[in-house]
Amino acid sequence: MKEYFFPDNSTYCFVVDVYFDDAALLQTYFEYVSTYKSFESYKTQTKNHVDNHYVHISKVLRSRWDLAIRSEKVIRKKYGSMIAAIEAGVMRPL
């Protein structure tokens, strides 16, 4: 499922609004489960799944947050304000 929904270098993606944590949860769940070669190997690690998945999702969410901060700086530099960028049609209002 990970390869179908989140292939590397994909032309397509799905867009989520401001609250993207559910999408990140779905994506990282697929990525985490796909690290196991089989269901049998997945079953042998049941005590660690929550912690291992949390490590992965926290990295993904942190990366998205960092990207949002960098993007805001670029937008403010180019357009002067977030409102100006929204009015120019390059940003969606929250």
N, C-alpha and C. Protein backbone atom coordinates (compact mmCIF):
# COMPACT_ATOMS: atom_id res chain seq x y z
N MET A 1 0.82 -1.19 0.00
CA MET A 1 0.00 0.00 0.00
C MET A 1 0.87 1.25 0.00
N LYS A 2 2.00 1.20 0.70
CA LYS A 2 2.90 2.35 0.73
C LYS A 2 3.34 2.71 -0.67
N GLU A 3 3.74 1.71 -1.45
CA GLU A 3 4.21 1.97 -2.81
C GLU A 3 3.10 2.52 -3.70
N TYR A 4 1.89 2.11 -3.47
CA TYR A 4 0.76 2.59 -4.26
C TYR A 4 0.40 4.04 -3.91
N PHE A 5 0.30 4.33 -2.60
CA PHE A 5 -0.12 5.66 -2.18
C PHE A 5 1.01 6.67 -2.07
N PHE A 6 2.22 6.21 -1.75
CA PHE A 6 3.34 7.12 -1.52
C PHE A 6 4.61 6.66 -2.24
N PRO A 7 4.57 6.49 -3.55
CA PRO A 7 5.78 6.07 -4.25
C PRO A 7 6.85 7.17 -4.23
N ASP A 8 8.11 6.78 -4.28
CA ASP A 8 9.19 7.76 -4.34
C ASP A 8 9.12 8.49 -5.67
N ASN A 9 9.40 9.78 -5.65
CA ASN A 9 9.40 10.61 -6.86
C ASN A 9 8.07 10.55 -7.61
N SER A 10 6.98 10.50 -6.88
CA SER A 10 5.66 10.40 -7.48
C SER A 10 5.25 11.72 -8.13
N THR A 11 4.53 11.60 -9.22
CA THR A 11 3.96 12.78 -9.87
C THR A 11 2.72 13.22 -9.11
N TYR A 12 2.07 12.29 -8.46
CA TYR A 12 0.81 12.57 -7.78
C TYR A 12 0.99 12.54 -6.27
N CYS A 13 0.10 13.25 -5.59
CA CYS A 13 0.10 13.24 -4.14
C CYS A 13 -1.32 13.56 -3.68
N PHE A 14 -1.55 13.51 -2.40
CA PHE A 14 -2.83 13.99 -1.92
C PHE A 14 -2.56 15.20 -1.04
N VAL A 15 -3.47 16.13 -1.07
CA VAL A 15 -3.30 17.39 -0.35
C VAL A 15 -4.21 17.36 0.86
N VAL A 16 -3.67 17.77 1.97
CA VAL A 16 -4.44 17.82 3.20
C VAL A 16 -4.42 19.27 3.67
N ASP A 17 -5.41 19.66 4.40
CA ASP A 17 -5.49 21.04 4.86
C ASP A 17 -4.55 21.25 6.05
N VAL A 18 -4.79 22.28 6.80
CA VAL A 18 -3.91 22.69 7.88
C VAL A 18 -3.63 21.56 8.87
N TYR A 19 -4.64 20.81 9.21
CA TYR A 19 -4.46 19.73 10.18
C TYR A 19 -4.08 18.45 9.45
N PHE A 20 -2.78 18.30 9.20
CA PHE A 20 -2.30 17.20 8.38
C PHE A 20 -1.88 15.99 9.20
N ASP A 21 -2.11 15.98 10.48
CA ASP A 21 -1.61 14.89 11.31
C ASP A 21 -2.23 13.54 10.95
N ASP A 22 -3.50 13.51 10.54
CA ASP A 22 -4.10 12.23 10.15
C ASP A 22 -3.45 11.67 8.90
N ALA A 23 -3.15 12.53 7.95
CA ALA A 23 -2.48 12.09 6.72
C ALA A 23 -1.08 11.60 7.04
N ALA A 24 -0.39 12.30 7.91
CA ALA A 24 0.96 11.87 8.31
C ALA A 24 0.90 10.53 9.04
N LEU A 25 -0.12 10.35 9.84
CA LEU A 25 -0.29 9.08 10.55
C LEU A 25 -0.49 7.93 9.56
N LEU A 26 -1.34 8.15 8.57
CA LEU A 26 -1.57 7.13 7.55
C LEU A 26 -0.29 6.83 6.77
N GLN A 27 0.38 7.88 6.31
CA GLN A 27 1.61 7.71 5.55
C GLN A 27 2.68 6.97 6.35
N THR A 28 2.91 7.40 7.58
CA THR A 28 3.97 6.77 8.37
C THR A 28 3.60 5.36 8.79
N TYR A 29 2.31 5.09 8.96
CA TYR A 29 1.89 3.71 9.26
C TYR A 29 2.25 2.80 8.09
N PHE A 30 1.91 3.22 6.88
CA PHE A 30 2.27 2.42 5.70
C PHE A 30 3.78 2.25 5.59
N GLU A 31 4.51 3.34 5.80
CA GLU A 31 5.97 3.27 5.71
C GLU A 31 6.54 2.34 6.78
N TYR A 32 6.02 2.43 7.99
CA TYR A 32 6.51 1.59 9.07
C TYR A 32 6.23 0.11 8.80
N VAL A 33 5.01 -0.21 8.46
CA VAL A 33 4.65 -1.60 8.21
C VAL A 33 5.46 -2.16 7.04
N SER A 34 5.73 -1.33 6.05
CA SER A 34 6.47 -1.81 4.87
C SER A 34 7.95 -2.09 5.15
N THR A 35 8.43 -1.71 6.32
CA THR A 35 9.82 -2.03 6.66
C THR A 35 10.00 -3.51 7.01
N TYR A 36 8.89 -4.20 7.26
CA TYR A 36 8.95 -5.63 7.57
C TYR A 36 8.77 -6.45 6.30
N LYS A 37 9.53 -7.51 6.21
CA LYS A 37 9.49 -8.37 5.02
C LYS A 37 8.22 -9.22 4.95
N SER A 38 7.67 -9.55 6.12
CA SER A 38 6.48 -10.40 6.15
C SER A 38 5.67 -10.09 7.41
N PHE A 39 4.44 -10.59 7.41
CA PHE A 39 3.61 -10.42 8.59
C PHE A 39 4.21 -11.16 9.78
N GLU A 40 4.85 -12.28 9.52
CA GLU A 40 5.48 -13.04 10.61
C GLU A 40 6.57 -12.22 11.30
N SER A 41 7.38 -11.51 10.52
CA SER A 41 8.42 -10.69 11.15
C SER A 41 7.81 -9.49 11.87
N TYR A 42 6.71 -8.99 11.35
CA TYR A 42 5.98 -7.90 12.00
C TYR A 42 5.45 -8.35 13.36
N LYS A 43 4.88 -9.56 13.41
CA LYS A 43 4.29 -10.08 14.65
C LYS A 43 5.33 -10.28 15.75
N THR A 44 6.56 -10.53 15.40
CA THR A 44 7.59 -10.80 16.42
C THR A 44 7.98 -9.55 17.19
N GLN A 45 7.60 -8.38 16.72
CA GLN A 45 8.01 -7.12 17.35
C GLN A 45 6.85 -6.38 18.01
N THR A 46 5.81 -7.06 18.42
CA THR A 46 4.59 -6.38 18.88
C THR A 46 4.83 -5.41 20.04
N LYS A 47 5.78 -5.67 20.90
CA LYS A 47 6.00 -4.79 22.05
C LYS A 47 6.63 -3.46 21.65
N ASN A 48 7.26 -3.40 20.50
CA ASN A 48 7.99 -2.20 20.10
C ASN A 48 7.27 -1.36 19.05
N HIS A 49 6.16 -1.82 18.53
CA HIS A 49 5.52 -1.11 17.42
C HIS A 49 5.16 0.33 17.74
N VAL A 50 4.56 0.57 18.86
CA VAL A 50 4.12 1.93 19.19
C VAL A 50 5.33 2.86 19.29
N ASP A 51 6.34 2.45 19.99
CA ASP A 51 7.53 3.29 20.15
C ASP A 51 8.25 3.50 18.82
N ASN A 52 8.39 2.44 18.04
CA ASN A 52 9.08 2.56 16.75
C ASN A 52 8.31 3.46 15.78
N HIS A 53 7.00 3.30 15.76
CA HIS A 53 6.20 4.15 14.88
C HIS A 53 6.24 5.59 15.35
N TYR A 54 6.22 5.82 16.64
CA TYR A 54 6.28 7.18 17.17
C TYR A 54 7.57 7.87 16.75
N VAL A 55 8.68 7.18 16.82
CA VAL A 55 9.96 7.76 16.39
C VAL A 55 9.87 8.21 14.94
N HIS A 56 9.30 7.37 14.10
CA HIS A 56 9.18 7.70 12.68
C HIS A 56 8.22 8.87 12.45
N ILE A 57 7.05 8.84 13.06
CA ILE A 57 6.09 9.92 12.81
C ILE A 57 6.58 11.24 13.38
N SER A 58 7.30 11.21 14.50
CA SER A 58 7.80 12.47 15.05
C SER A 58 8.82 13.11 14.11
N LYS A 59 9.63 12.30 13.43
CA LYS A 59 10.58 12.83 12.45
C LYS A 59 9.84 13.44 11.26
N VAL A 60 8.82 12.75 10.79
CA VAL A 60 8.05 13.25 9.64
C VAL A 60 7.34 14.56 9.99
N LEU A 61 6.69 14.61 11.15
CA LEU A 61 5.99 15.83 11.55
C LEU A 61 6.96 16.99 11.77
N ARG A 62 8.12 16.70 12.34
CA ARG A 62 9.13 17.75 12.55
C ARG A 62 9.62 18.28 11.20
N SER A 63 9.83 17.38 10.26
CA SER A 63 10.27 17.78 8.93
C SER A 63 9.22 18.67 8.25
N ARG A 64 7.96 18.31 8.39
CA ARG A 64 6.88 19.12 7.80
C ARG A 64 6.79 20.49 8.47
N TRP A 65 6.98 20.51 9.77
CA TRP A 65 6.95 21.78 10.49
C TRP A 65 8.10 22.68 10.02
N ASP A 66 9.30 22.11 9.91
CA ASP A 66 10.46 22.87 9.45
C ASP A 66 10.23 23.42 8.04
N LEU A 67 9.62 22.61 7.17
CA LEU A 67 9.31 23.07 5.82
C LEU A 67 8.30 24.22 5.85
N ALA A 68 7.32 24.13 6.72
CA ALA A 68 6.31 25.19 6.83
C ALA A 68 6.96 26.50 7.28
N ILE A 69 7.88 26.42 8.22
CA ILE A 69 8.56 27.62 8.71
C ILE A 69 9.42 28.23 7.60
N ARG A 70 10.18 27.39 6.89
CA ARG A 70 11.00 27.90 5.78
C ARG A 70 10.13 28.52 4.69
N SER A 71 9.02 27.87 4.38
CA SER A 71 8.11 28.38 3.35
C SER A 71 7.53 29.73 3.75
N GLU A 72 7.17 29.87 5.01
CA GLU A 72 6.61 31.14 5.47
C GLU A 72 7.64 32.25 5.32
N LYS A 73 8.88 31.98 5.63
CA LYS A 73 9.93 33.00 5.50
C LYS A 73 10.09 33.44 4.04
N VAL A 74 10.06 32.47 3.14
CA VAL A 74 10.19 32.78 1.71
C VAL A 74 8.98 33.59 1.24
N ILE A 75 7.80 33.19 1.66
CA ILE A 75 6.57 33.90 1.25
C ILE A 75 6.59 35.34 1.76
N ARG A 76 6.96 35.51 3.02
CA ARG A 76 6.99 36.87 3.57
C ARG A 76 8.04 37.73 2.86
N LYS A 77 9.17 37.14 2.52
CA LYS A 77 10.22 37.87 1.82
C LYS A 77 9.76 38.28 0.42
N LYS A 78 9.10 37.37 -0.28
CA LYS A 78 8.68 37.64 -1.65
C LYS A 78 7.43 38.52 -1.73
N TYR A 79 6.44 38.26 -0.87
CA TYR A 79 5.14 38.95 -0.96
C TYR A 79 4.93 40.01 0.12
N GLY A 80 5.78 40.05 1.10
CA GLY A 80 5.65 41.05 2.16
C GLY A 80 4.78 40.60 3.32
N SER A 81 3.80 39.77 3.04
CA SER A 81 2.92 39.27 4.11
C SER A 81 2.20 38.02 3.62
N MET A 82 1.66 37.29 4.55
CA MET A 82 0.90 36.10 4.21
C MET A 82 -0.40 36.50 3.49
N ILE A 83 -1.00 37.60 3.92
CA ILE A 83 -2.24 38.06 3.28
C ILE A 83 -1.99 38.40 1.81
N ALA A 84 -0.87 39.06 1.53
CA ALA A 84 -0.54 39.40 0.15
C ALA A 84 -0.35 38.14 -0.69
N ALA A 85 0.24 37.10 -0.12
CA ALA A 85 0.42 35.84 -0.84
C ALA A 85 -0.92 35.17 -1.11
N ILE A 86 -1.83 35.24 -0.15
CA ILE A 86 -3.18 34.68 -0.33
C ILE A 86 -3.89 35.45 -1.44
N GLU A 87 -3.80 36.75 -1.39
CA GLU A 87 -4.45 37.57 -2.42
C GLU A 87 -3.84 37.33 -3.80
N ALA A 88 -2.55 36.98 -3.87
CA ALA A 88 -1.89 36.69 -5.14
C ALA A 88 -2.25 35.29 -5.64
N GLY A 89 -2.90 34.50 -4.79
CA GLY A 89 -3.34 33.17 -5.19
C GLY A 89 -2.28 32.08 -5.05
N VAL A 90 -1.19 32.37 -4.34
CA VAL A 90 -0.14 31.35 -4.17
C VAL A 90 -0.27 30.61 -2.86
N MET A 91 -1.18 31.05 -2.01
CA MET A 91 -1.41 30.41 -0.71
C MET A 91 -2.89 30.29 -0.46
N ARG A 92 -3.25 29.23 0.25
CA ARG A 92 -4.65 29.09 0.66
C ARG A 92 -4.84 29.71 2.03
N PRO A 93 -5.94 30.39 2.26
CA PRO A 93 -6.19 30.94 3.60
C PRO A 93 -6.44 29.82 4.59
N LEU A 94 -6.08 30.05 5.84
CA LEU A 94 -6.32 29.05 6.88
C LEU A 94 -7.77 29.05 7.29
